[in-house]
Protein backbone atom coordinates (compact mmCIF):
# COMPACT_ATOMS: atom_id res chain seq x y z
CA MET A 1 -5.00 17.78 25.34
CA THR A 2 -2.43 19.98 22.72
CA PHE A 3 -0.99 17.80 19.53
CA GLN A 4 2.37 16.44 20.70
CA PRO A 5 4.69 15.19 18.19
CA SER A 6 5.82 12.20 20.58
CA TYR A 7 2.79 11.12 20.57
CA PHE A 8 2.12 11.53 16.39
CA LYS A 9 5.84 9.68 16.45
CA ALA A 10 4.97 6.65 19.01
CA ASP A 11 1.95 5.77 17.05
CA LEU A 12 3.97 5.62 13.97
CA PHE A 13 6.29 3.63 15.34
CA LYS A 14 3.34 1.38 16.80
CA VAL A 15 2.49 1.41 12.78
CA LEU A 16 5.90 0.25 11.71
CA SER A 17 6.05 -2.68 14.56
CA ASN A 18 4.82 -5.05 12.33
CA PRO A 19 7.75 -6.71 9.36
CA VAL A 20 5.01 -7.60 6.98
CA ARG A 21 3.99 -3.72 7.11
CA ILE A 22 7.24 -2.58 6.40
CA GLN A 23 7.96 -5.01 3.67
CA ILE A 24 4.83 -3.70 2.22
CA LEU A 25 6.15 -0.09 2.48
CA ASN A 26 9.66 -1.38 0.85
CA ALA A 27 7.38 -2.95 -2.21
CA LEU A 28 5.33 0.28 -2.95
CA ARG A 29 9.25 1.76 -3.33
CA ILE A 30 8.68 1.37 -7.00
CA GLY A 31 5.02 2.67 -7.06
CA GLU A 32 1.74 1.65 -7.31
CA GLN A 33 0.61 -2.00 -6.82
CA SER A 34 -2.48 -4.09 -6.72
CA VAL A 35 -2.79 -6.00 -3.57
CA ASN A 36 -1.96 -9.42 -5.64
CA SER A 37 0.95 -8.14 -6.97
CA ILE A 38 2.15 -6.51 -3.17
CA ALA A 39 1.45 -10.15 -1.72
CA GLN A 40 3.56 -11.46 -4.68
CA TRP A 41 6.43 -9.71 -3.79
CA ILE A 42 6.51 -10.05 -0.42
CA GLU A 43 5.39 -14.00 -0.58
CA ALA A 44 1.90 -13.57 1.36
CA GLU A 45 -1.22 -14.21 1.15
CA PRO A 46 -3.37 -11.15 -0.48
CA SER A 47 -5.77 -11.60 2.31
CA ALA A 48 -2.92 -10.70 4.74
CA VAL A 49 -1.91 -8.03 2.63
CA SER A 50 -5.36 -6.28 2.68
CA GLN A 51 -5.61 -6.13 6.15
CA GLN A 52 -1.64 -4.65 6.52
CA LEU A 53 -3.11 -2.04 4.14
CA ALA A 54 -6.18 -1.06 5.58
CA VAL A 55 -4.56 -0.66 8.95
CA MET A 56 -1.67 1.93 7.30
CA ARG A 57 -4.82 3.39 5.24
CA ARG A 58 -6.06 4.37 8.75
CA TYR A 59 -3.12 6.54 9.35
CA ASN A 60 -1.97 7.70 5.71
CA LEU A 61 0.87 5.83 4.83
CA VAL A 62 -0.94 4.38 1.73
CA ARG A 63 -3.51 5.79 -0.34
CA SER A 64 -5.73 3.36 -2.16
CA ARG A 65 -7.49 4.18 -5.63
CA LYS A 66 -10.49 1.28 -7.10
CA GLN A 67 -10.32 0.37 -10.54
CA GLY A 68 -12.78 -1.82 -11.30
CA ASN A 69 -12.42 -4.87 -9.23
CA PHE A 70 -8.95 -4.18 -8.12
CA ALA A 71 -7.70 -1.73 -5.22
CA TYR A 72 -4.01 -0.36 -6.23
CA TYR A 73 -1.95 1.15 -3.04
CA SER A 74 0.63 4.05 -3.14
CA VAL A 75 2.84 5.60 -0.60
CA GLY A 76 0.57 8.48 1.06
CA ASP A 77 4.00 10.34 1.91
CA PRO A 78 7.30 9.16 0.33
CA THR A 79 8.95 10.71 3.95
CA ILE A 80 8.76 7.29 5.22
CA PHE A 81 11.02 5.92 3.17
CA LYS A 82 13.70 8.23 5.18
CA VAL A 83 12.63 6.61 8.31
CA LEU A 84 13.02 3.27 6.69
CA ASP A 85 16.48 4.25 5.43
CA SER A 86 17.59 5.48 8.89
CA ALA A 87 15.87 2.43 10.75
CA LEU A 88 17.93 0.25 8.12
CA GLU A 89 21.35 1.97 8.85
CA LEU A 90 20.54 2.03 12.39
CA PHE A 91 20.74 -1.90 12.60
CA ASN A 92 23.59 -1.75 9.91
CA ASN A 93 26.06 0.33 12.89
CA HIS A 94 24.53 -2.36 15.02
CA VAL A 95 25.64 -5.37 13.11
CA ILE A 96 29.15 -3.34 12.56
CA GLU A 97 29.29 -2.93 15.96
CA MET A 98 28.04 -6.44 17.00
CA ARG A 99 30.54 -7.89 14.61
CA GLU A 100 33.64 -5.66 15.68
CA SER A 101 33.11 -6.79 19.39
CA LEU A 102 33.19 -10.68 18.23
CA GLN A 103 36.04 -9.63 16.40
CA LYS A 104 38.36 -8.56 19.64
CA LEU A 105 36.87 -11.92 21.25
CA GLU A 106 38.69 -13.95 19.09
C-alpha cells in the first residue's frame, strides 16, 4: 500500500481526539517543560500526563530529553499549533453561528 496523506491525517486526528493531549500541547507552546510542570499547568496527575506524552511521542508530536532524573518535553513540529489554532477558529465560527441562530429565535 502506498503512503496516503488521508491515512496520516486520520491518525493525527485520532491522537488529537484526547482533550488532555491538546492541553499538553498548548502547555508546550511556551517551550520545553518537565512532566511535573505540564501536570501542574493542566491540573492533572503526572502519571496521566506521562501516559499521554508517550502516545504523542510515538507519533512524533513531542520529543523528550533526559536530564538526570527528569524528562523534559517539547513540541516535535510547531506546525501542530496551526492545526490546533484552525480547530479553535472553526469552533469559534460554530459558536458565532449558534449565537446568531439563537438571537433570531428571540
